[in-house]
Amino acid sequence: MNKDRLTILYNESGKRFRNSRVGKLVKSVITSDTTKRLRDLAIDKIGLKEHEKRFIQHLSGGTVGNQPITELPEKVMSGVAMAHVRGDYRDRREFISSPKYFEMVQAAEKEAKISGDESSYNAIVHGDAAMIPNPKYNPDSKQLSTYGSNDQTRMSLGHVTMNPNKDGSFQMTDIYDVDSNASMGETERYTPLLSQKGDLIEGTKTIKLFNKEYNIPLASRAHDISTWLGIDQDMHYNVNIPKKNIDTWNNAYGKK
C-alpha cells in the first residue's frame, strides 16, 4: 500500500469510527473527568517525568475539566527562569545562523581537507560567515526558547511566551500540542502509521533484532492512535514564574 492510500484509509476509517456509537462511547469514557482523575493518580503514583506526564495527558483528553496548567515542577520552572535570564529570545537577535549552517560547515571541512586552507571553516564556525539577518527580528519579542535548558524543561515546553508582572515575576503561557512536520520545516508529507513526527523525536526507541538496529517511533504511533480515536487534546499553560527563580539565575550569571 502506497503512502497516499494509507493516509486516506487512516483518515476515512478514523472519521467513521469517531462518528460511530462505539467511537463516541470510547471517547466519552476515556475523556471523562473521572477517568482523567484516575489517570493522573496513576501517573503520580508511578512517578513519571514531567514531559511523559503531559504527553499521556495530551493523548487521553487533556487536563481534568480542560483547565489550564498552573503549576510546574521546580526543575522545570528553574529551566524557564534560566532561559529567560540568559536571553534565549531568538527573535530579539538581529542576526541568526543560516538554516544551511551544517551544510556550510561540511562543505568548508571538505575544502580544508583538499586545499589545506581552513579560513572558510574558521570564518563559519568561529566567525559570523554563516550569520544571516533574522527575518523575524523583533526586539520586543516575548517568545522564549527553552531548548537550551534541562531535558525536562525543553521536552515539556519548547517555546513559551513570557509576560512581565509588576512584582518582578513572569507569567508563562503556552499551548501543549504536537507540531506538524510541515510547521517544523520538513518538506516530506507526514504519513500516519508510517512516518516520524519531528516534534516527537525523543519518543523514538532503538531496538536490536537479529543483529540489526531498528528505530521505532513509539510516540508518533501513540499520537496517531490517539488522533484516530479522537481523544487527543491540546492543553494550555498559565504559570507564574516567581521573582525568586529569576533572581537565582541573575545571581548565578552575575546580573543585577
Protein backbone atom coordinates (compact mmCIF):
# COMPACT_ATOMS: atom_id res chain seq x y z
CA MET A 1 0.00 0.00 0.00
CA ASN A 2 1.41 3.37 -1.00
CA LYS A 3 1.58 6.37 1.33
CA ASP A 4 -1.36 8.24 -0.22
CA ARG A 5 -3.69 5.25 0.12
CA LEU A 6 -2.56 4.66 3.70
CA THR A 7 -3.26 8.29 4.59
CA ILE A 8 -6.72 8.18 3.01
CA LEU A 9 -7.54 4.88 4.75
CA TYR A 10 -6.37 6.27 8.10
CA ASN A 11 -8.37 9.49 7.74
CA GLU A 12 -11.57 7.91 6.43
CA SER A 13 -11.64 4.95 8.82
CA GLY A 14 -10.91 7.27 11.76
CA LYS A 15 -13.75 9.58 10.76
CA ARG A 16 -16.20 6.67 10.53
CA PHE A 17 -15.11 5.29 13.90
CA ARG A 18 -15.33 8.67 15.69
CA ASN A 19 -18.87 9.16 14.34
CA SER A 20 -19.99 5.67 15.33
CA ARG A 21 -21.74 4.76 18.59
CA VAL A 22 -18.74 2.79 19.76
CA GLY A 23 -16.37 5.63 18.90
CA LYS A 24 -18.44 8.18 20.77
CA LEU A 25 -18.67 5.86 23.79
CA VAL A 26 -14.91 5.26 23.80
CA LYS A 27 -14.24 8.99 23.70
CA SER A 28 -16.79 9.69 26.41
CA VAL A 29 -15.28 7.13 28.78
CA ILE A 30 -11.61 7.98 28.21
CA THR A 31 -12.04 11.76 28.30
CA SER A 32 -14.43 11.94 31.25
CA ASP A 33 -13.12 13.84 34.27
CA THR A 34 -13.50 10.72 36.40
CA THR A 35 -11.20 8.74 34.12
CA LYS A 36 -8.75 11.62 33.88
CA ARG A 37 -8.55 11.92 37.66
CA LEU A 38 -7.76 8.20 37.95
CA ARG A 39 -5.20 8.57 35.15
CA ASP A 40 -3.46 11.43 36.96
CA LEU A 41 -3.39 9.50 40.23
CA ALA A 42 -1.74 6.58 38.42
CA ILE A 43 0.78 8.91 36.74
CA ASP A 44 1.75 10.45 40.08
CA LYS A 45 1.94 7.01 41.74
CA ILE A 46 4.26 5.67 39.05
CA GLY A 47 6.39 8.82 39.22
CA LEU A 48 6.65 9.64 35.53
CA LYS A 49 8.76 12.58 34.41
CA GLU A 50 7.03 15.86 33.60
CA HIS A 51 7.22 15.52 29.81
CA GLU A 52 5.94 11.94 29.98
CA LYS A 53 3.02 13.01 32.17
CA ARG A 54 1.99 15.82 29.85
CA PHE A 55 2.26 13.65 26.75
CA ILE A 56 -0.01 11.00 28.27
CA GLN A 57 -2.49 13.69 29.31
CA HIS A 58 -2.44 15.10 25.78
CA LEU A 59 -3.14 11.64 24.33
CA SER A 60 -6.06 10.97 26.67
CA GLY A 61 -8.28 14.02 26.76
CA GLY A 62 -6.10 16.71 28.33
CA THR A 63 -6.42 18.05 31.87
CA VAL A 64 -9.31 17.47 34.27
CA GLY A 65 -12.04 19.92 33.32
CA ASN A 66 -9.79 21.11 30.50
CA GLN A 67 -8.39 23.61 32.97
CA PRO A 68 -5.06 25.38 32.24
CA ILE A 69 -1.88 24.01 33.79
CA THR A 70 -0.86 26.46 36.53
CA GLU A 71 1.90 24.54 38.32
CA LEU A 72 5.22 23.10 37.20
CA PRO A 73 7.93 21.09 38.96
CA GLU A 74 10.66 23.28 40.44
CA LYS A 75 13.24 21.93 37.98
CA VAL A 76 11.10 22.99 35.02
CA MET A 77 10.42 26.46 36.46
CA SER A 78 14.13 26.84 37.10
CA GLY A 79 14.85 25.91 33.47
CA VAL A 80 12.42 28.57 32.24
CA ALA A 81 13.98 31.19 34.52
CA MET A 82 17.48 30.25 33.34
CA ALA A 83 16.50 30.59 29.65
CA HIS A 84 14.92 33.98 30.38
CA VAL A 85 17.93 35.38 32.24
CA ARG A 86 20.27 34.03 29.58
CA GLY A 87 18.25 35.89 26.95
CA ASP A 88 17.11 32.96 24.83
CA TYR A 89 14.68 35.11 22.85
CA ARG A 90 15.62 34.15 19.30
CA ASP A 91 13.52 36.82 17.62
CA ARG A 92 15.29 39.58 19.56
CA ARG A 93 18.50 38.81 17.70
CA GLU A 94 19.21 40.84 14.59
CA PHE A 95 21.28 38.05 13.09
CA ILE A 96 20.85 34.28 13.34
CA SER A 97 22.65 31.22 12.00
CA SER A 98 21.76 30.26 8.44
CA PRO A 99 19.38 27.29 8.15
CA LYS A 100 22.11 25.80 5.93
CA TYR A 101 24.73 26.13 8.69
CA PHE A 102 25.57 22.42 8.93
CA GLU A 103 25.80 22.04 5.15
CA MET A 104 28.16 25.05 5.08
CA VAL A 105 30.34 23.52 7.80
CA GLN A 106 30.54 20.20 5.95
CA ALA A 107 31.47 21.95 2.69
CA ALA A 108 34.15 24.02 4.48
CA GLU A 109 35.59 20.87 6.08
CA LYS A 110 35.91 19.20 2.69
CA GLU A 111 37.51 22.33 1.26
CA ALA A 112 40.04 22.41 4.12
CA LYS A 113 40.96 18.74 3.59
CA ILE A 114 41.53 19.25 -0.13
CA SER A 115 43.29 22.63 -0.08
CA GLY A 116 44.72 22.71 3.44
CA ASP A 117 43.17 26.15 3.86
CA GLU A 118 40.94 26.34 6.94
CA SER A 119 39.99 30.01 6.56
CA SER A 120 36.46 29.27 5.34
CA TYR A 121 35.89 26.77 8.14
CA ASN A 122 37.13 29.19 10.78
CA ALA A 123 35.01 32.01 9.37
CA ILE A 124 31.88 29.86 9.61
CA VAL A 125 32.50 28.08 12.92
CA HIS A 126 34.35 30.79 14.83
CA GLY A 127 33.22 33.89 12.94
CA ASP A 128 29.99 35.24 11.51
CA ALA A 129 30.21 33.97 7.93
CA ALA A 130 27.14 31.78 8.48
CA MET A 131 25.04 34.54 10.06
CA ILE A 132 22.07 35.99 8.20
CA PRO A 133 19.57 38.79 9.02
CA ASN A 134 16.79 37.47 11.23
CA PRO A 135 13.56 37.65 9.14
CA LYS A 136 11.51 37.60 12.38
CA TYR A 137 13.57 40.21 14.19
CA ASN A 138 11.57 41.89 16.94
CA PRO A 139 13.47 43.49 19.84
CA ASP A 140 10.29 43.31 21.96
CA SER A 141 9.53 39.63 21.28
CA LYS A 142 8.19 37.71 24.26
CA GLN A 143 8.73 34.26 22.75
CA LEU A 144 11.32 32.40 24.81
CA SER A 145 13.08 29.24 23.69
CA THR A 146 13.70 26.63 26.39
CA TYR A 147 15.55 24.26 24.08
CA GLY A 148 18.85 25.19 25.72
CA SER A 149 17.54 24.29 29.18
CA ASN A 150 17.46 20.97 31.04
CA ASP A 151 15.77 17.97 29.43
CA GLN A 152 12.59 18.19 31.48
CA THR A 153 12.05 21.83 30.51
CA ARG A 154 12.81 21.62 26.81
CA MET A 155 10.88 18.37 26.26
CA SER A 156 7.85 19.65 28.18
CA LEU A 157 7.65 23.18 26.80
CA GLY A 158 9.81 24.16 23.83
CA HIS A 159 8.81 27.75 23.04
CA VAL A 160 6.77 29.77 25.55
CA THR A 161 5.51 33.34 25.92
CA MET A 162 6.79 35.40 28.85
CA ASN A 163 4.82 38.40 30.09
CA PRO A 164 6.29 40.52 32.93
CA ASN A 165 4.30 41.20 36.10
CA LYS A 166 4.62 44.28 38.32
CA ASP A 167 6.10 42.25 41.19
CA GLY A 168 9.08 41.11 39.10
CA SER A 169 7.66 37.68 38.32
CA PHE A 170 6.70 36.49 34.83
CA GLN A 171 3.54 34.87 33.56
CA MET A 172 4.43 32.00 31.27
CA THR A 173 1.81 30.92 28.74
CA ASP A 174 1.94 28.21 26.13
CA ILE A 175 -0.16 25.60 24.35
CA TYR A 176 0.85 21.96 24.61
CA ASP A 177 0.31 20.40 21.22
CA VAL A 178 2.20 18.31 18.71
CA ASP A 179 3.57 20.43 15.87
CA SER A 180 3.09 19.20 12.34
CA ASN A 181 6.17 18.26 10.36
CA ALA A 182 5.35 20.98 7.82
CA SER A 183 5.37 23.67 10.53
CA MET A 184 8.83 22.46 11.55
CA GLY A 185 10.18 22.96 8.04
CA GLU A 186 10.08 19.36 6.86
CA THR A 187 9.18 19.03 3.20
CA GLU A 188 8.16 15.37 3.11
CA ARG A 189 4.47 14.88 3.84
CA TYR A 190 3.65 13.03 7.05
CA THR A 191 2.11 9.58 6.61
CA PRO A 192 0.14 8.28 9.61
CA LEU A 193 1.27 4.91 10.99
CA LEU A 194 4.47 5.15 8.99
CA SER A 195 6.32 8.46 9.33
CA GLN A 196 8.14 10.04 12.26
CA LYS A 197 6.79 13.25 13.80
CA GLY A 198 9.69 15.66 14.23
CA ASP A 199 8.12 17.08 17.39
CA LEU A 200 8.17 13.60 18.97
CA ILE A 201 11.67 12.53 18.01
CA GLU A 202 12.61 11.88 21.66
CA GLY A 203 9.92 9.20 21.75
CA THR A 204 11.73 7.05 19.20
CA LYS A 205 13.26 3.89 20.66
CA THR A 206 16.04 1.80 19.13
CA ILE A 207 15.75 -1.97 19.37
CA LYS A 208 18.19 -4.63 18.22
CA LEU A 209 16.82 -7.68 16.45
CA PHE A 210 18.85 -10.31 14.63
CA ASN A 211 21.97 -8.11 14.88
CA LYS A 212 20.18 -5.19 13.25
CA GLU A 213 19.04 -1.96 14.87
CA TYR A 214 15.58 -0.59 14.21
CA ASN A 215 14.24 2.84 15.19
CA ILE A 216 10.66 2.53 16.40
CA PRO A 217 8.80 5.87 16.65
CA LEU A 218 6.63 4.83 19.60
CA ALA A 219 5.47 8.35 20.47
CA SER A 220 4.43 9.04 16.87
CA ARG A 221 2.43 5.82 16.71
CA ALA A 222 0.76 6.58 20.05
CA HIS A 223 -0.21 10.01 18.75
CA ASP A 224 -1.56 8.51 15.52
CA ILE A 225 -3.78 6.15 17.52
CA SER A 226 -4.99 8.92 19.83
CA THR A 227 -5.85 11.15 16.87
CA TRP A 228 -7.63 8.28 15.11
CA LEU A 229 -9.73 7.69 18.24
CA GLY A 230 -10.39 11.42 18.57
CA ILE A 231 -9.18 11.68 22.17
CA ASP A 232 -6.07 13.87 21.80
CA GLN A 233 -6.49 17.28 23.40
CA ASP A 234 -4.30 20.39 23.41
CA MET A 235 -3.56 21.87 26.84
CA HIS A 236 -2.93 25.44 27.94
CA TYR A 237 -0.23 26.66 30.33
CA ASN A 238 -0.66 29.72 32.53
CA VAL A 239 2.13 29.52 35.10
CA ASN A 240 3.65 32.19 37.31
CA ILE A 241 7.46 32.10 37.32
CA PRO A 242 8.32 33.71 40.68
CA LYS A 243 10.79 36.56 41.02
CA LYS A 244 12.95 34.39 43.29
CA ASN A 245 13.59 31.98 40.43
CA ILE A 246 14.59 34.86 38.18
CA ASP A 247 16.81 36.33 40.90
CA THR A 248 18.55 32.98 41.45
CA TRP A 249 19.75 32.92 37.86
CA ASN A 250 20.52 36.63 37.79
CA ASN A 251 22.89 35.99 40.69
CA ALA A 252 24.32 32.89 39.00
CA TYR A 253 25.12 34.89 35.86
CA GLY A 254 26.34 37.91 37.84
CA LYS A 255 23.47 40.13 36.77
CA LYS A 256 21.68 42.64 38.96
